[in-house]
Amino acid sequence: MTDFQYCGDLVRQYDTDRYVLSLLYPKAQREALWALFAFNHEIAKTREVVTETATGLIRLQWWRDAVGKIYDGEILEHEVVKPLADVIKRYDLSRETFEHSVYAREFDVEDRQPTDMQGMLKYAELTTAPLNELVLKVLGEEAEDDVLRDVSVHFAVVGLLRAVPFHLHQRRCYLPESLMAGHGVSVSKLYDWKKYEALVPVVESILEEISAYAGTTAMRSRFLKASHKLSAIYLKQIVKSGYNVFDPQIQIEPPFKVLRVWMGGF
């Protein structure tokens, strides 16, 4: 198995939606995307594999250093780092953009809940837009900064809503604290699996807030078009469930999802 195939298998198992998006492209670009997505998976899962903030920060620093070494001409013997180094060199990717991606994940290990809606939107942007920026560089596609931001935020927020049950199980919450308080919901009660039905108006308010990001027009990037189509499909599922993110139907794959996403890329 090549390191690129290792990355592909990793993405297919843990980041299925991005794996589907990668299949829109020829082999060389597809494998490059796998390396980027595998890197993203490794830093994104940090909170899941550590129990202490300090340990999480150390793990993120390891990835920051590993990427830095690539730019300094040293490549660590690691099944994700090696193909990532190849992609960085081949497509002349920005070191700063990788650093932004790692920095954004420090929020996860610090177990901080966004204080307000703007905090949630900023988290969504910081954890997704840098990755998408790297993707577009690999694909040779272009997008205005506001389009890149809007599609990234929409994709990330819908993903965060779908992951609410998973995050609460880990005693994590990315929903705005002030918005929850306004609806009489406390995170401590959610952690105890109490009053989760009270989240319905919170979820509805969040989707209303990101509706401004759903009307993105004149997208030239096939990848961003397909990404936006995917998040729109999931958003409709949430609405159909009555904004109940605990509805098991939300976790069922939408009919003809892959075909709809691929068509959305054209």
C-alpha atoms as a PDB file:
ATOM      1  CA  MET A   1       0.000   0.000   0.000  1.00  0.00           C
ATOM      2  CA  THR A   2       1.348   3.449  -0.906  1.00  0.00           C
ATOM      3  CA  ASP A   3       1.232   6.319   1.556  1.00  0.00           C
ATOM      4  CA  PHE A   4      -1.294   8.060  -0.689  1.00  0.00           C
ATOM      5  CA  GLN A   5      -3.528   4.996  -0.580  1.00  0.00           C
ATOM      6  CA  TYR A   6      -3.160   4.940   3.206  1.00  0.00           C
ATOM      7  CA  CYS A   7      -4.404   8.541   3.276  1.00  0.00           C
ATOM      8  CA  GLY A   8      -7.265   7.641   0.948  1.00  0.00           C
ATOM      9  CA  ASP A   9      -8.352   4.752   3.160  1.00  0.00           C
ATOM     10  CA  LEU A  10      -8.136   6.988   6.226  1.00  0.00           C
ATOM     11  CA  VAL A  11     -10.299   9.668   4.610  1.00  0.00           C
ATOM     12  CA  ARG A  12     -12.789   7.143   3.263  1.00  0.00           C
ATOM     13  CA  GLN A  13     -13.267   5.729   6.765  1.00  0.00           C
ATOM     14  CA  TYR A  14     -13.327   8.907   8.842  1.00  0.00           C
ATOM     15  CA  ASP A  15     -14.203  11.768   6.482  1.00  0.00           C
ATOM     16  CA  THR A  16     -16.554  10.132   3.999  1.00  0.00           C
ATOM     17  CA  ASP A  17     -18.002  13.327   2.591  1.00  0.00           C
ATOM     18  CA  ARG A  18     -14.640  14.771   1.637  1.00  0.00           C
ATOM     19  CA  TYR A  19     -13.698  11.405   0.178  1.00  0.00           C
ATOM     20  CA  VAL A  20     -16.773  11.634  -2.070  1.00  0.00           C
ATOM     21  CA  LEU A  21     -15.712  15.142  -3.100  1.00  0.00           C
ATOM     22  CA  SER A  22     -12.237  13.884  -3.985  1.00  0.00           C
ATOM     23  CA  LEU A  23     -13.712  11.399  -6.463  1.00  0.00           C
ATOM     24  CA  LEU A  24     -14.700  14.302  -8.698  1.00  0.00           C
ATOM     25  CA  TYR A  25     -11.077  14.585  -9.803  1.00  0.00           C
ATOM     26  CA  PRO A  26      -8.390  12.619 -11.694  1.00  0.00           C
ATOM     27  CA  LYS A  27      -6.023  10.295  -9.813  1.00  0.00           C
ATOM     28  CA  ALA A  28      -3.144  12.725  -9.235  1.00  0.00           C
ATOM     29  CA  GLN A  29      -5.352  15.473  -7.840  1.00  0.00           C
ATOM     30  CA  ARG A  30      -7.498  12.970  -5.950  1.00  0.00           C
ATOM     31  CA  GLU A  31      -4.473  11.556  -4.140  1.00  0.00           C
ATOM     32  CA  ALA A  32      -3.238  15.048  -3.322  1.00  0.00           C
ATOM     33  CA  LEU A  33      -6.618  15.825  -1.773  1.00  0.00           C
ATOM     34  CA  TRP A  34      -6.399  12.642   0.276  1.00  0.00           C
ATOM     35  CA  ALA A  35      -3.122  13.845   1.786  1.00  0.00           C
ATOM     36  CA  LEU A  36      -4.675  17.201   2.710  1.00  0.00           C
ATOM     37  CA  PHE A  37      -7.809  15.597   4.125  1.00  0.00           C
ATOM     38  CA  ALA A  38      -5.777  13.034   6.084  1.00  0.00           C
ATOM     39  CA  PHE A  39      -3.752  15.881   7.611  1.00  0.00           C
ATOM     40  CA  ASN A  40      -6.985  17.662   8.498  1.00  0.00           C
ATOM     41  CA  HIS A  41      -8.352  14.494  10.090  1.00  0.00           C
ATOM     42  CA  GLU A  42      -5.227  14.085  12.192  1.00  0.00           C
ATOM     43  CA  ILE A  43      -5.411  17.562  13.681  1.00  0.00           C
ATOM     44  CA  ALA A  44      -9.224  17.575  13.943  1.00  0.00           C
ATOM     45  CA  LYS A  45      -9.315  14.352  15.974  1.00  0.00           C
ATOM     46  CA  THR A  46      -6.922  15.706  18.603  1.00  0.00           C
ATOM     47  CA  ARG A  47      -9.657  16.415  21.146  1.00  0.00           C
ATOM     48  CA  GLU A  48     -10.976  12.889  20.702  1.00  0.00           C
ATOM     49  CA  VAL A  49      -7.675  11.169  21.487  1.00  0.00           C
ATOM     50  CA  VAL A  50      -6.466  13.233  24.460  1.00  0.00           C
ATOM     51  CA  THR A  51      -7.883  13.823  27.916  1.00  0.00           C
ATOM     52  CA  GLU A  52      -5.945  16.929  28.908  1.00  0.00           C
ATOM     53  CA  THR A  53      -5.518  20.325  27.265  1.00  0.00           C
ATOM     54  CA  ALA A  54      -1.734  20.240  27.628  1.00  0.00           C
ATOM     55  CA  THR A  55      -1.508  16.878  25.901  1.00  0.00           C
ATOM     56  CA  GLY A  56      -3.683  18.137  23.050  1.00  0.00           C
ATOM     57  CA  LEU A  57      -1.539  21.229  22.586  1.00  0.00           C
ATOM     58  CA  ILE A  58       1.576  19.049  22.497  1.00  0.00           C
ATOM     59  CA  ARG A  59       0.014  16.869  19.809  1.00  0.00           C
ATOM     60  CA  LEU A  60      -0.916  19.913  17.722  1.00  0.00           C
ATOM     61  CA  GLN A  61       2.588  21.293  18.166  1.00  0.00           C
ATOM     62  CA  TRP A  62       3.956  18.002  16.827  1.00  0.00           C
ATOM     63  CA  TRP A  63       1.956  18.532  13.635  1.00  0.00           C
ATOM     64  CA  ARG A  64       2.980  22.169  13.445  1.00  0.00           C
ATOM     65  CA  ASP A  65       6.627  21.133  13.729  1.00  0.00           C
ATOM     66  CA  ALA A  66       6.207  18.249  11.264  1.00  0.00           C
ATOM     67  CA  VAL A  67       4.848  20.613   8.624  1.00  0.00           C
ATOM     68  CA  GLY A  68       7.506  23.184   9.427  1.00  0.00           C
ATOM     69  CA  LYS A  69      10.227  20.581   8.907  1.00  0.00           C
ATOM     70  CA  ILE A  70       8.864  19.888   5.415  1.00  0.00           C
ATOM     71  CA  TYR A  71       9.500  23.502   4.461  1.00  0.00           C
ATOM     72  CA  ASP A  72      12.958  23.269   6.040  1.00  0.00           C
ATOM     73  CA  GLY A  73      13.781  20.251   3.891  1.00  0.00           C
ATOM     74  CA  GLU A  74      13.259  17.518   6.487  1.00  0.00           C
ATOM     75  CA  ILE A  75      10.518  14.931   6.031  1.00  0.00           C
ATOM     76  CA  LEU A  76       9.527  12.741   8.970  1.00  0.00           C
ATOM     77  CA  GLU A  77       8.893   9.038   8.433  1.00  0.00           C
ATOM     78  CA  HIS A  78       5.132   9.186   8.848  1.00  0.00           C
ATOM     79  CA  GLU A  79       2.393   7.777   6.622  1.00  0.00           C
ATOM     80  CA  VAL A  80       0.607  11.140   6.378  1.00  0.00           C
ATOM     81  CA  VAL A  81       3.571  13.501   6.565  1.00  0.00           C
ATOM     82  CA  LYS A  82       5.412  11.895   3.638  1.00  0.00           C
ATOM     83  CA  PRO A  83       2.624  12.251   1.043  1.00  0.00           C
ATOM     84  CA  LEU A  84       1.786  15.665   2.453  1.00  0.00           C
ATOM     85  CA  ALA A  85       5.375  16.749   1.818  1.00  0.00           C
ATOM     86  CA  ASP A  86       5.067  15.602  -1.782  1.00  0.00           C
ATOM     87  CA  VAL A  87       1.870  17.602  -2.243  1.00  0.00           C
ATOM     88  CA  ILE A  88       3.329  20.722  -0.614  1.00  0.00           C
ATOM     89  CA  LYS A  89       6.306  20.632  -2.974  1.00  0.00           C
ATOM     90  CA  ARG A  90       4.330  19.726  -6.089  1.00  0.00           C
ATOM     91  CA  TYR A  91       1.725  22.466  -5.658  1.00  0.00           C
ATOM     92  CA  ASP A  92       3.813  25.050  -3.770  1.00  0.00           C
ATOM     93  CA  LEU A  93       1.377  25.234  -0.863  1.00  0.00           C
ATOM     94  CA  SER A  94       1.538  27.965   1.740  1.00  0.00           C
ATOM     95  CA  ARG A  95       3.101  27.146   5.107  1.00  0.00           C
ATOM     96  CA  GLU A  96       1.065  29.899   6.731  1.00  0.00           C
ATOM     97  CA  THR A  97      -2.204  28.292   5.647  1.00  0.00           C
ATOM     98  CA  PHE A  98      -1.243  25.017   7.336  1.00  0.00           C
ATOM     99  CA  GLU A  99      -0.330  26.931  10.479  1.00  0.00           C
ATOM    100  CA  HIS A 100      -3.758  28.573  10.470  1.00  0.00           C
ATOM    101  CA  SER A 101      -5.378  25.140  10.308  1.00  0.00           C
ATOM    102  CA  VAL A 102      -3.397  23.837  13.282  1.00  0.00           C
ATOM    103  CA  TYR A 103      -3.976  27.000  15.311  1.00  0.00           C
ATOM    104  CA  ALA A 104      -7.749  26.752  14.839  1.00  0.00           C
ATOM    105  CA  ARG A 105      -7.765  23.324  16.479  1.00  0.00           C
ATOM    106  CA  GLU A 106      -6.374  24.730  19.722  1.00  0.00           C
ATOM    107  CA  PHE A 107      -9.921  25.879  20.428  1.00  0.00           C
ATOM    108  CA  ASP A 108     -11.010  22.227  20.534  1.00  0.00           C
ATOM    109  CA  VAL A 109      -8.552  21.085  23.172  1.00  0.00           C
ATOM    110  CA  GLU A 110      -9.254  24.098  25.369  1.00  0.00           C
ATOM    111  CA  ASP A 111     -12.884  22.958  25.673  1.00  0.00           C
ATOM    112  CA  ARG A 112     -14.274  26.433  25.164  1.00  0.00           C
ATOM    113  CA  GLN A 113     -17.834  26.950  24.005  1.00  0.00           C
ATOM    114  CA  PRO A 114     -18.415  29.837  21.564  1.00  0.00           C
ATOM    115  CA  THR A 115     -19.825  32.735  23.541  1.00  0.00           C
ATOM    116  CA  ASP A 116     -22.096  33.930  20.746  1.00  0.00           C
ATOM    117  CA  MET A 117     -23.131  33.288  17.149  1.00  0.00           C
ATOM    118  CA  GLN A 118     -20.209  35.220  15.740  1.00  0.00           C
ATOM    119  CA  GLY A 119     -17.876  33.010  17.755  1.00  0.00           C
ATOM    120  CA  MET A 120     -19.407  29.885  16.252  1.00  0.00           C
ATOM    121  CA  LEU A 121     -19.181  31.310  12.745  1.00  0.00           C
ATOM    122  CA  LYS A 122     -15.562  32.303  13.277  1.00  0.00           C
ATOM    123  CA  TYR A 123     -14.709  28.821  14.520  1.00  0.00           C
ATOM    124  CA  ALA A 124     -16.410  27.334  11.456  1.00  0.00           C
ATOM    125  CA  GLU A 125     -14.411  29.616   9.175  1.00  0.00           C
ATOM    126  CA  LEU A 126     -11.042  29.042  10.825  1.00  0.00           C
ATOM    127  CA  THR A 127     -11.353  25.263  10.869  1.00  0.00           C
ATOM    128  CA  THR A 128     -12.559  24.918   7.274  1.00  0.00           C
ATOM    129  CA  ALA A 129     -11.565  27.855   5.058  1.00  0.00           C
ATOM    130  CA  PRO A 130      -7.764  27.274   5.256  1.00  0.00           C
ATOM    131  CA  LEU A 131      -8.241  23.644   4.223  1.00  0.00           C
ATOM    132  CA  ASN A 132     -10.452  24.677   1.316  1.00  0.00           C
ATOM    133  CA  GLU A 133      -7.894  27.277   0.308  1.00  0.00           C
ATOM    134  CA  LEU A 134      -5.262  24.525   0.037  1.00  0.00           C
ATOM    135  CA  VAL A 135      -7.688  22.332  -1.894  1.00  0.00           C
ATOM    136  CA  LEU A 136      -8.346  25.031  -4.479  1.00  0.00           C
ATOM    137  CA  LYS A 137      -4.607  25.540  -4.914  1.00  0.00           C
ATOM    138  CA  VAL A 138      -4.149  21.834  -5.650  1.00  0.00           C
ATOM    139  CA  LEU A 139      -7.068  21.788  -8.068  1.00  0.00           C
ATOM    140  CA  GLY A 140      -6.118  24.989  -9.843  1.00  0.00           C
ATOM    141  CA  GLU A 141      -9.563  26.387  -9.108  1.00  0.00           C
ATOM    142  CA  GLU A 142     -10.336  29.932  -8.065  1.00  0.00           C
ATOM    143  CA  ALA A 143     -12.835  31.610  -5.773  1.00  0.00           C
ATOM    144  CA  GLU A 144     -13.344  35.064  -4.364  1.00  0.00           C
ATOM    145  CA  ASP A 145     -12.422  35.330  -0.690  1.00  0.00           C
ATOM    146  CA  ASP A 146     -16.028  35.899   0.379  1.00  0.00           C
ATOM    147  CA  VAL A 147     -17.243  32.897  -1.618  1.00  0.00           C
ATOM    148  CA  LEU A 148     -14.556  30.675  -0.103  1.00  0.00           C
ATOM    149  CA  ARG A 149     -15.520  31.902   3.367  1.00  0.00           C
ATOM    150  CA  ASP A 150     -19.267  31.533   2.863  1.00  0.00           C
ATOM    151  CA  VAL A 151     -19.115  28.002   1.476  1.00  0.00           C
ATOM    152  CA  SER A 152     -16.663  26.955   4.193  1.00  0.00           C
ATOM    153  CA  VAL A 153     -18.779  28.388   7.004  1.00  0.00           C
ATOM    154  CA  HIS A 154     -21.995  26.878   5.662  1.00  0.00           C
ATOM    155  CA  PHE A 155     -20.364  23.453   5.301  1.00  0.00           C
ATOM    156  CA  ALA A 156     -18.803  23.578   8.773  1.00  0.00           C
ATOM    157  CA  VAL A 157     -21.857  24.832  10.668  1.00  0.00           C
ATOM    158  CA  VAL A 158     -24.152  22.211   9.147  1.00  0.00           C
ATOM    159  CA  GLY A 159     -21.522  19.612  10.056  1.00  0.00           C
ATOM    160  CA  LEU A 160     -21.357  20.887  13.637  1.00  0.00           C
ATOM    161  CA  LEU A 161     -25.135  20.635  13.973  1.00  0.00           C
ATOM    162  CA  ARG A 162     -25.174  17.065  12.691  1.00  0.00           C
ATOM    163  CA  ALA A 163     -22.408  16.217  15.172  1.00  0.00           C
ATOM    164  CA  VAL A 164     -24.137  17.678  18.250  1.00  0.00           C
ATOM    165  CA  PRO A 165     -25.014  14.260  19.792  1.00  0.00           C
ATOM    166  CA  PHE A 166     -21.452  13.014  19.252  1.00  0.00           C
ATOM    167  CA  HIS A 167     -19.905  16.139  20.753  1.00  0.00           C
ATOM    168  CA  LEU A 168     -22.225  16.129  23.776  1.00  0.00           C
ATOM    169  CA  HIS A 169     -21.274  12.532  24.428  1.00  0.00           C
ATOM    170  CA  GLN A 170     -17.682  13.774  24.664  1.00  0.00           C
ATOM    171  CA  ARG A 171     -18.836  16.710  26.811  1.00  0.00           C
ATOM    172  CA  ARG A 172     -18.103  19.209  24.057  1.00  0.00           C
ATOM    173  CA  CYS A 173     -20.407  21.914  22.738  1.00  0.00           C
ATOM    174  CA  TYR A 174     -19.940  24.256  19.779  1.00  0.00           C
ATOM    175  CA  LEU A 175     -23.353  25.926  19.993  1.00  0.00           C
ATOM    176  CA  PRO A 176     -23.373  29.630  20.972  1.00  0.00           C
ATOM    177  CA  GLU A 177     -23.636  30.044  24.731  1.00  0.00           C
ATOM    178  CA  SER A 178     -25.650  33.272  24.554  1.00  0.00           C
ATOM    179  CA  LEU A 179     -28.131  31.783  22.083  1.00  0.00           C
ATOM    180  CA  MET A 180     -28.636  28.732  24.287  1.00  0.00           C
ATOM    181  CA  ALA A 181     -29.107  30.918  27.355  1.00  0.00           C
ATOM    182  CA  GLY A 182     -31.716  32.935  25.497  1.00  0.00           C
ATOM    183  CA  HIS A 183     -33.715  29.749  25.048  1.00  0.00           C
ATOM    184  CA  GLY A 184     -33.182  28.594  28.622  1.00  0.00           C
ATOM    185  CA  VAL A 185     -30.731  25.835  27.749  1.00  0.00           C
ATOM    186  CA  SER A 186     -27.569  25.190  29.769  1.00  0.00           C
ATOM    187  CA  VAL A 187     -24.718  23.074  28.523  1.00  0.00           C
ATOM    188  CA  SER A 188     -24.516  21.222  31.841  1.00  0.00           C
ATOM    189  CA  LYS A 189     -28.053  19.907  31.396  1.00  0.00           C
ATOM    190  CA  LEU A 190     -27.235  18.811  27.875  1.00  0.00           C
ATOM    191  CA  TYR A 191     -24.200  16.913  29.139  1.00  0.00           C
ATOM    192  CA  ASP A 192     -26.563  15.096  31.503  1.00  0.00           C
ATOM    193  CA  TRP A 193     -28.881  14.369  28.553  1.00  0.00           C
ATOM    194  CA  LYS A 194     -31.588  16.609  29.929  1.00  0.00           C
ATOM    195  CA  LYS A 195     -33.690  19.150  28.023  1.00  0.00           C
ATOM    196  CA  TYR A 196     -32.138  18.289  24.661  1.00  0.00           C
ATOM    197  CA  GLU A 197     -35.535  18.912  23.065  1.00  0.00           C
ATOM    198  CA  ALA A 198     -35.038  22.567  24.018  1.00  0.00           C
ATOM    199  CA  LEU A 199     -32.284  22.728  21.403  1.00  0.00           C
ATOM    200  CA  VAL A 200     -34.846  22.811  18.577  1.00  0.00           C
ATOM    201  CA  PRO A 201     -35.251  26.628  18.578  1.00  0.00           C
ATOM    202  CA  VAL A 202     -31.479  27.009  19.006  1.00  0.00           C
ATOM    203  CA  VAL A 203     -30.806  24.918  15.902  1.00  0.00           C
ATOM    204  CA  GLU A 204     -33.513  26.779  13.984  1.00  0.00           C
ATOM    205  CA  SER A 205     -31.954  30.126  14.909  1.00  0.00           C
ATOM    206  CA  ILE A 206     -28.502  28.954  13.810  1.00  0.00           C
ATOM    207  CA  LEU A 207     -29.823  27.811  10.431  1.00  0.00           C
ATOM    208  CA  GLU A 208     -31.585  31.147   9.989  1.00  0.00           C
ATOM    209  CA  GLU A 209     -28.290  32.883  10.734  1.00  0.00           C
ATOM    210  CA  ILE A 210     -26.362  30.935   8.099  1.00  0.00           C
ATOM    211  CA  SER A 211     -29.066  31.361   5.478  1.00  0.00           C
ATOM    212  CA  ALA A 212     -27.049  34.352   4.300  1.00  0.00           C
ATOM    213  CA  TYR A 213     -24.258  31.938   3.461  1.00  0.00           C
ATOM    214  CA  ALA A 214     -26.547  29.640   1.498  1.00  0.00           C
ATOM    215  CA  GLY A 215     -27.227  32.010  -1.372  1.00  0.00           C
ATOM    216  CA  THR A 216     -23.680  32.089  -2.678  1.00  0.00           C
ATOM    217  CA  THR A 217     -23.747  32.752  -6.394  1.00  0.00           C
ATOM    218  CA  ALA A 218     -21.303  32.737  -9.285  1.00  0.00           C
ATOM    219  CA  MET A 219     -19.155  29.981  -7.867  1.00  0.00           C
ATOM    220  CA  ARG A 220     -16.454  29.077 -10.395  1.00  0.00           C
ATOM    221  CA  SER A 221     -14.947  26.300  -8.328  1.00  0.00           C
ATOM    222  CA  ARG A 222     -16.317  22.833  -8.972  1.00  0.00           C
ATOM    223  CA  PHE A 223     -15.141  21.735  -5.537  1.00  0.00           C
ATOM    224  CA  LEU A 224     -16.938  24.557  -3.752  1.00  0.00           C
ATOM    225  CA  LYS A 225     -20.106  23.966  -5.775  1.00  0.00           C
ATOM    226  CA  ALA A 226     -20.119  20.301  -4.795  1.00  0.00           C
ATOM    227  CA  SER A 227     -19.303  21.128  -1.147  1.00  0.00           C
ATOM    228  CA  HIS A 228     -22.141  23.599  -1.019  1.00  0.00           C
ATOM    229  CA  LYS A 229     -24.526  21.096  -2.550  1.00  0.00           C
ATOM    230  CA  LEU A 230     -23.540  18.548   0.100  1.00  0.00           C
ATOM    231  CA  SER A 231     -24.161  20.890   3.011  1.00  0.00           C
ATOM    232  CA  ALA A 232     -27.474  21.950   1.449  1.00  0.00           C
ATOM    233  CA  ILE A 233     -28.571  18.303   1.299  1.00  0.00           C
ATOM    234  CA  TYR A 234     -27.778  17.815   4.973  1.00  0.00           C
ATOM    235  CA  LEU A 235     -29.440  21.093   5.908  1.00  0.00           C
ATOM    236  CA  LYS A 236     -32.677  19.909   4.319  1.00  0.00           C
ATOM    237  CA  GLN A 237     -32.468  16.754   6.427  1.00  0.00           C
ATOM    238  CA  ILE A 238     -32.230  18.835   9.596  1.00  0.00           C
ATOM    239  CA  VAL A 239     -35.178  20.992   8.579  1.00  0.00           C
ATOM    240  CA  LYS A 240     -37.228  17.905   7.690  1.00  0.00           C
ATOM    241  CA  SER A 241     -36.512  16.480  11.143  1.00  0.00           C
ATOM    242  CA  GLY A 242     -38.101  19.546  12.727  1.00  0.00           C
ATOM    243  CA  TYR A 243     -34.669  20.933  13.662  1.00  0.00           C
ATOM    244  CA  ASN A 244     -34.175  17.989  16.015  1.00  0.00           C
ATOM    245  CA  VAL A 245     -30.513  17.062  15.609  1.00  0.00           C
ATOM    246  CA  PHE A 246     -31.113  13.973  17.739  1.00  0.00           C
ATOM    247  CA  ASP A 247     -33.471  12.513  15.148  1.00  0.00           C
ATOM    248  CA  PRO A 248     -31.878   9.230  13.944  1.00  0.00           C
ATOM    249  CA  GLN A 249     -33.000  10.049  10.394  1.00  0.00           C
ATOM    250  CA  ILE A 250     -30.318  12.736  10.231  1.00  0.00           C
ATOM    251  CA  GLN A 251     -27.611  10.092  10.403  1.00  0.00           C
ATOM    252  CA  ILE A 252     -29.079   8.119   7.493  1.00  0.00           C
ATOM    253  CA  GLU A 253     -27.430   8.823   4.149  1.00  0.00           C
ATOM    254  CA  PRO A 254     -29.733  10.957   1.966  1.00  0.00           C
ATOM    255  CA  PRO A 255     -31.104   9.270  -1.175  1.00  0.00           C
ATOM    256  CA  PHE A 256     -28.755   9.510  -4.181  1.00  0.00           C
ATOM    257  CA  LYS A 257     -26.364  11.687  -2.161  1.00  0.00           C
ATOM    258  CA  VAL A 258     -23.271  10.926  -4.226  1.00  0.00           C
ATOM    259  CA  LEU A 259     -25.043  11.499  -7.533  1.00  0.00           C
ATOM    260  CA  ARG A 260     -26.579  14.751  -6.289  1.00  0.00           C
ATOM    261  CA  VAL A 261     -23.218  15.996  -5.042  1.00  0.00           C
ATOM    262  CA  TRP A 262     -21.441  15.147  -8.271  1.00  0.00           C
ATOM    263  CA  MET A 263     -24.172  16.862 -10.309  1.00  0.00           C
ATOM    264  CA  GLY A 264     -23.899  19.843  -7.991  1.00  0.00           C
ATOM    265  CA  GLY A 265     -20.268  20.211  -9.003  1.00  0.00           C
ATOM    266  CA  PHE A 266     -21.174  21.113 -12.575  1.00  0.00           C
END
